[in-house]
């Protein structure tokens, strides 16, 4: 899978996903990213004019807390039923 550098501003986090945020985990990840870099890209799918977060909400929030403007991401295909 190819990694893409995406602007954090272009990523939409669905409301149900936002309810799962654990601040302690964000702080731990921010420290780890600061020391080691972002080791695992987040996963997003293409939405209407933006990317929709699939996986990696805590990593996204950690990068935001660090003041990052871009984040490494995998662009995944969504299945239509």
N, C-alpha and C. Protein backbone atom coordinates (compact mmCIF):
# COMPACT_ATOMS: atom_id res chain seq x y z
N UNK A 1 0.85 -1.17 0.00
CA UNK A 1 0.00 0.00 0.00
C UNK A 1 0.90 1.24 0.00
N UNK A 2 0.55 2.21 -0.81
CA UNK A 2 1.34 3.42 -0.94
C UNK A 2 0.94 4.47 0.11
N UNK A 3 1.94 5.09 0.71
CA UNK A 3 1.69 6.14 1.71
C UNK A 3 1.57 7.49 1.01
N UNK A 4 0.62 8.30 1.46
CA UNK A 4 0.40 9.65 0.94
C UNK A 4 0.60 10.65 2.07
N UNK A 5 1.12 11.82 1.75
CA UNK A 5 1.21 12.91 2.72
C UNK A 5 -0.01 13.79 2.51
N UNK A 6 -0.90 13.83 3.49
CA UNK A 6 -2.14 14.59 3.36
C UNK A 6 -2.14 15.77 4.32
N UNK A 7 -2.80 16.83 3.90
CA UNK A 7 -2.99 17.97 4.77
C UNK A 7 -4.01 17.59 5.84
N UNK A 8 -3.68 17.83 7.08
CA UNK A 8 -4.58 17.48 8.18
C UNK A 8 -5.91 18.21 8.05
N UNK A 9 -5.89 19.41 7.48
CA UNK A 9 -7.12 20.18 7.30
C UNK A 9 -8.12 19.52 6.36
N UNK A 10 -7.66 18.60 5.53
CA UNK A 10 -8.53 17.95 4.55
C UNK A 10 -9.15 16.65 5.09
N UNK A 11 -8.90 16.32 6.35
CA UNK A 11 -9.37 15.06 6.91
C UNK A 11 -10.56 15.31 7.83
N UNK A 12 -11.66 14.62 7.53
CA UNK A 12 -12.88 14.71 8.32
C UNK A 12 -12.96 13.51 9.25
N UNK A 13 -13.28 13.77 10.50
CA UNK A 13 -13.45 12.69 11.49
C UNK A 13 -14.95 12.56 11.77
N UNK A 14 -15.56 11.41 11.43
CA UNK A 14 -16.98 11.21 11.69
C UNK A 14 -17.31 11.36 13.19
N UNK A 15 -18.50 11.87 13.47
CA UNK A 15 -18.93 12.14 14.85
C UNK A 15 -18.81 10.92 15.78
N UNK A 16 -19.25 9.73 15.38
CA UNK A 16 -19.12 8.58 16.30
C UNK A 16 -17.66 8.29 16.68
N UNK A 17 -16.75 8.53 15.74
CA UNK A 17 -15.32 8.30 16.00
C UNK A 17 -14.80 9.30 17.03
N UNK A 18 -15.30 10.55 16.98
CA UNK A 18 -14.83 11.60 17.90
C UNK A 18 -15.14 11.27 19.36
N UNK A 19 -16.15 10.45 19.60
CA UNK A 19 -16.54 10.10 20.96
C UNK A 19 -15.57 9.10 21.61
N UNK A 20 -14.67 8.53 20.83
CA UNK A 20 -13.77 7.50 21.33
C UNK A 20 -12.41 8.03 21.79
N UNK A 21 -12.22 9.34 21.75
CA UNK A 21 -10.92 9.94 22.05
C UNK A 21 -10.52 9.76 23.51
N UNK A 22 -9.29 9.30 23.72
CA UNK A 22 -8.71 9.16 25.06
C UNK A 22 -7.48 10.06 25.11
N UNK A 23 -7.57 11.15 25.88
CA UNK A 23 -6.50 12.15 25.91
C UNK A 23 -5.16 11.57 26.35
N UNK A 24 -5.18 10.61 27.28
CA UNK A 24 -3.93 10.00 27.74
C UNK A 24 -3.20 9.32 26.58
N UNK A 25 -3.97 8.63 25.74
CA UNK A 25 -3.39 7.93 24.61
C UNK A 25 -2.81 8.91 23.60
N UNK A 26 -3.50 10.04 23.40
CA UNK A 26 -3.00 11.07 22.49
C UNK A 26 -1.66 11.60 22.99
N UNK A 27 -1.56 11.87 24.29
CA UNK A 27 -0.32 12.38 24.87
C UNK A 27 0.82 11.38 24.71
N UNK A 28 0.54 10.10 24.95
CA UNK A 28 1.56 9.06 24.79
C UNK A 28 2.04 8.99 23.33
N UNK A 29 1.09 8.99 22.42
CA UNK A 29 1.43 8.93 21.00
C UNK A 29 2.20 10.16 20.55
N UNK A 30 1.83 11.33 21.04
CA UNK A 30 2.53 12.56 20.67
C UNK A 30 3.99 12.47 21.09
N UNK A 31 4.24 11.98 22.30
CA UNK A 31 5.62 11.81 22.77
C UNK A 31 6.38 10.82 21.89
N UNK A 32 5.72 9.71 21.55
CA UNK A 32 6.35 8.69 20.72
C UNK A 32 6.64 9.23 19.31
N UNK A 33 5.69 9.95 18.74
CA UNK A 33 5.89 10.53 17.40
C UNK A 33 7.01 11.55 17.43
N UNK A 34 7.09 12.32 18.49
CA UNK A 34 8.15 13.31 18.63
C UNK A 34 9.53 12.64 18.66
N UNK A 35 9.62 11.51 19.35
CA UNK A 35 10.89 10.80 19.48
C UNK A 35 11.23 9.94 18.26
N UNK A 36 10.22 9.26 17.69
CA UNK A 36 10.47 8.26 16.66
C UNK A 36 9.87 8.56 15.29
N UNK A 37 9.07 9.61 15.19
CA UNK A 37 8.36 9.88 13.95
C UNK A 37 7.08 9.06 13.89
N UNK A 38 6.27 9.34 12.90
CA UNK A 38 5.02 8.61 12.74
C UNK A 38 5.33 7.27 12.08
N UNK A 39 5.25 6.20 12.84
CA UNK A 39 5.63 4.88 12.35
C UNK A 39 4.52 4.21 11.55
N UNK A 40 3.26 4.47 11.91
CA UNK A 40 2.13 3.85 11.22
C UNK A 40 1.25 4.93 10.61
N UNK A 41 1.04 4.90 9.30
CA UNK A 41 0.14 5.87 8.69
C UNK A 41 -1.30 5.64 9.13
N UNK A 42 -2.10 6.70 9.12
CA UNK A 42 -3.53 6.56 9.37
C UNK A 42 -4.17 6.02 8.10
N UNK A 43 -5.45 5.64 8.18
CA UNK A 43 -6.18 5.17 7.00
C UNK A 43 -7.35 6.11 6.75
N UNK A 44 -7.49 6.53 5.50
CA UNK A 44 -8.60 7.40 5.11
C UNK A 44 -9.19 6.87 3.81
N UNK A 45 -10.41 7.31 3.54
CA UNK A 45 -11.03 7.03 2.24
C UNK A 45 -11.40 8.36 1.63
N UNK A 46 -11.55 8.36 0.31
CA UNK A 46 -11.93 9.58 -0.38
C UNK A 46 -13.41 9.86 -0.13
N UNK A 47 -13.72 11.07 0.31
CA UNK A 47 -15.10 11.50 0.49
C UNK A 47 -15.42 12.56 -0.54
N UNK A 48 -16.48 13.28 -0.33
CA UNK A 48 -16.86 14.36 -1.25
C UNK A 48 -16.04 15.61 -0.92
N UNK A 49 -14.96 15.82 -1.65
CA UNK A 49 -14.13 16.99 -1.46
C UNK A 49 -13.22 16.94 -0.25
N UNK A 50 -13.11 15.79 0.39
CA UNK A 50 -12.26 15.65 1.57
C UNK A 50 -11.96 14.17 1.79
N UNK A 51 -11.09 13.91 2.74
CA UNK A 51 -10.79 12.54 3.13
C UNK A 51 -11.54 12.24 4.43
N UNK A 52 -12.00 11.03 4.57
CA UNK A 52 -12.74 10.61 5.76
C UNK A 52 -11.87 9.61 6.52
N UNK A 53 -11.66 9.87 7.79
CA UNK A 53 -10.83 9.01 8.61
C UNK A 53 -11.48 7.64 8.81
N UNK A 54 -10.70 6.60 8.60
CA UNK A 54 -11.15 5.23 8.83
C UNK A 54 -10.49 4.69 10.10
N UNK A 55 -9.18 4.88 10.21
CA UNK A 55 -8.41 4.33 11.33
C UNK A 55 -7.26 5.28 11.66
N UNK A 56 -7.01 5.48 12.96
CA UNK A 56 -5.87 6.28 13.39
C UNK A 56 -6.23 7.61 14.02
N UNK A 57 -7.39 7.69 14.66
CA UNK A 57 -7.85 8.94 15.24
C UNK A 57 -6.88 9.48 16.29
N UNK A 58 -6.35 8.62 17.14
CA UNK A 58 -5.41 9.07 18.17
C UNK A 58 -4.10 9.56 17.54
N UNK A 59 -3.64 8.90 16.50
CA UNK A 59 -2.43 9.37 15.80
C UNK A 59 -2.67 10.73 15.16
N UNK A 60 -3.86 10.90 14.57
CA UNK A 60 -4.22 12.19 13.96
C UNK A 60 -4.21 13.29 15.02
N UNK A 61 -4.84 13.05 16.15
CA UNK A 61 -4.90 14.04 17.22
C UNK A 61 -3.52 14.31 17.81
N UNK A 62 -2.67 13.30 17.87
CA UNK A 62 -1.31 13.49 18.37
C UNK A 62 -0.52 14.41 17.43
N UNK A 63 -0.68 14.21 16.14
CA UNK A 63 0.01 15.08 15.17
C UNK A 63 -0.52 16.50 15.25
N UNK A 64 -1.82 16.66 15.44
CA UNK A 64 -2.41 17.99 15.61
C UNK A 64 -1.81 18.65 16.86
N UNK A 65 -1.70 17.90 17.96
CA UNK A 65 -1.15 18.43 19.20
C UNK A 65 0.30 18.87 19.03
N UNK A 66 1.02 18.22 18.13
CA UNK A 66 2.41 18.56 17.86
C UNK A 66 2.55 19.72 16.88
N UNK A 67 1.42 20.19 16.34
CA UNK A 67 1.46 21.31 15.41
C UNK A 67 1.77 20.92 13.98
N UNK A 68 1.63 19.64 13.67
CA UNK A 68 1.90 19.17 12.31
C UNK A 68 0.80 19.66 11.37
N UNK A 69 1.16 19.91 10.12
CA UNK A 69 0.19 20.31 9.11
C UNK A 69 -0.14 19.17 8.15
N UNK A 70 0.76 18.19 8.07
CA UNK A 70 0.57 17.04 7.19
C UNK A 70 0.73 15.76 7.99
N UNK A 71 0.14 14.69 7.45
CA UNK A 71 0.22 13.39 8.12
C UNK A 71 0.32 12.30 7.05
N UNK A 72 1.05 11.24 7.38
CA UNK A 72 1.17 10.10 6.47
C UNK A 72 -0.12 9.27 6.56
N UNK A 73 -0.63 8.88 5.39
CA UNK A 73 -1.90 8.15 5.37
C UNK A 73 -1.93 7.15 4.23
N UNK A 74 -2.68 6.08 4.46
CA UNK A 74 -3.01 5.14 3.40
C UNK A 74 -4.39 5.53 2.90
N UNK A 75 -4.54 5.58 1.60
CA UNK A 75 -5.84 5.85 0.98
C UNK A 75 -6.45 4.49 0.64
N UNK A 76 -7.56 4.15 1.32
CA UNK A 76 -8.19 2.85 1.13
C UNK A 76 -9.49 2.99 0.36
N UNK A 77 -9.88 1.94 -0.30
CA UNK A 77 -11.13 1.92 -1.05
C UNK A 77 -12.27 1.54 -0.11
N UNK A 78 -13.37 2.23 -0.22
CA UNK A 78 -14.55 1.84 0.57
C UNK A 78 -15.44 0.99 -0.31
N UNK A 79 -16.08 0.02 0.32
CA UNK A 79 -16.96 -0.87 -0.41
C UNK A 79 -18.36 -0.25 -0.46
N UNK A 80 -18.98 -0.36 -1.62
CA UNK A 80 -20.37 0.09 -1.76
C UNK A 80 -21.26 -1.14 -1.74
N UNK A 81 -22.29 -1.08 -0.94
CA UNK A 81 -23.20 -2.23 -0.80
C UNK A 81 -24.44 -2.02 -1.61
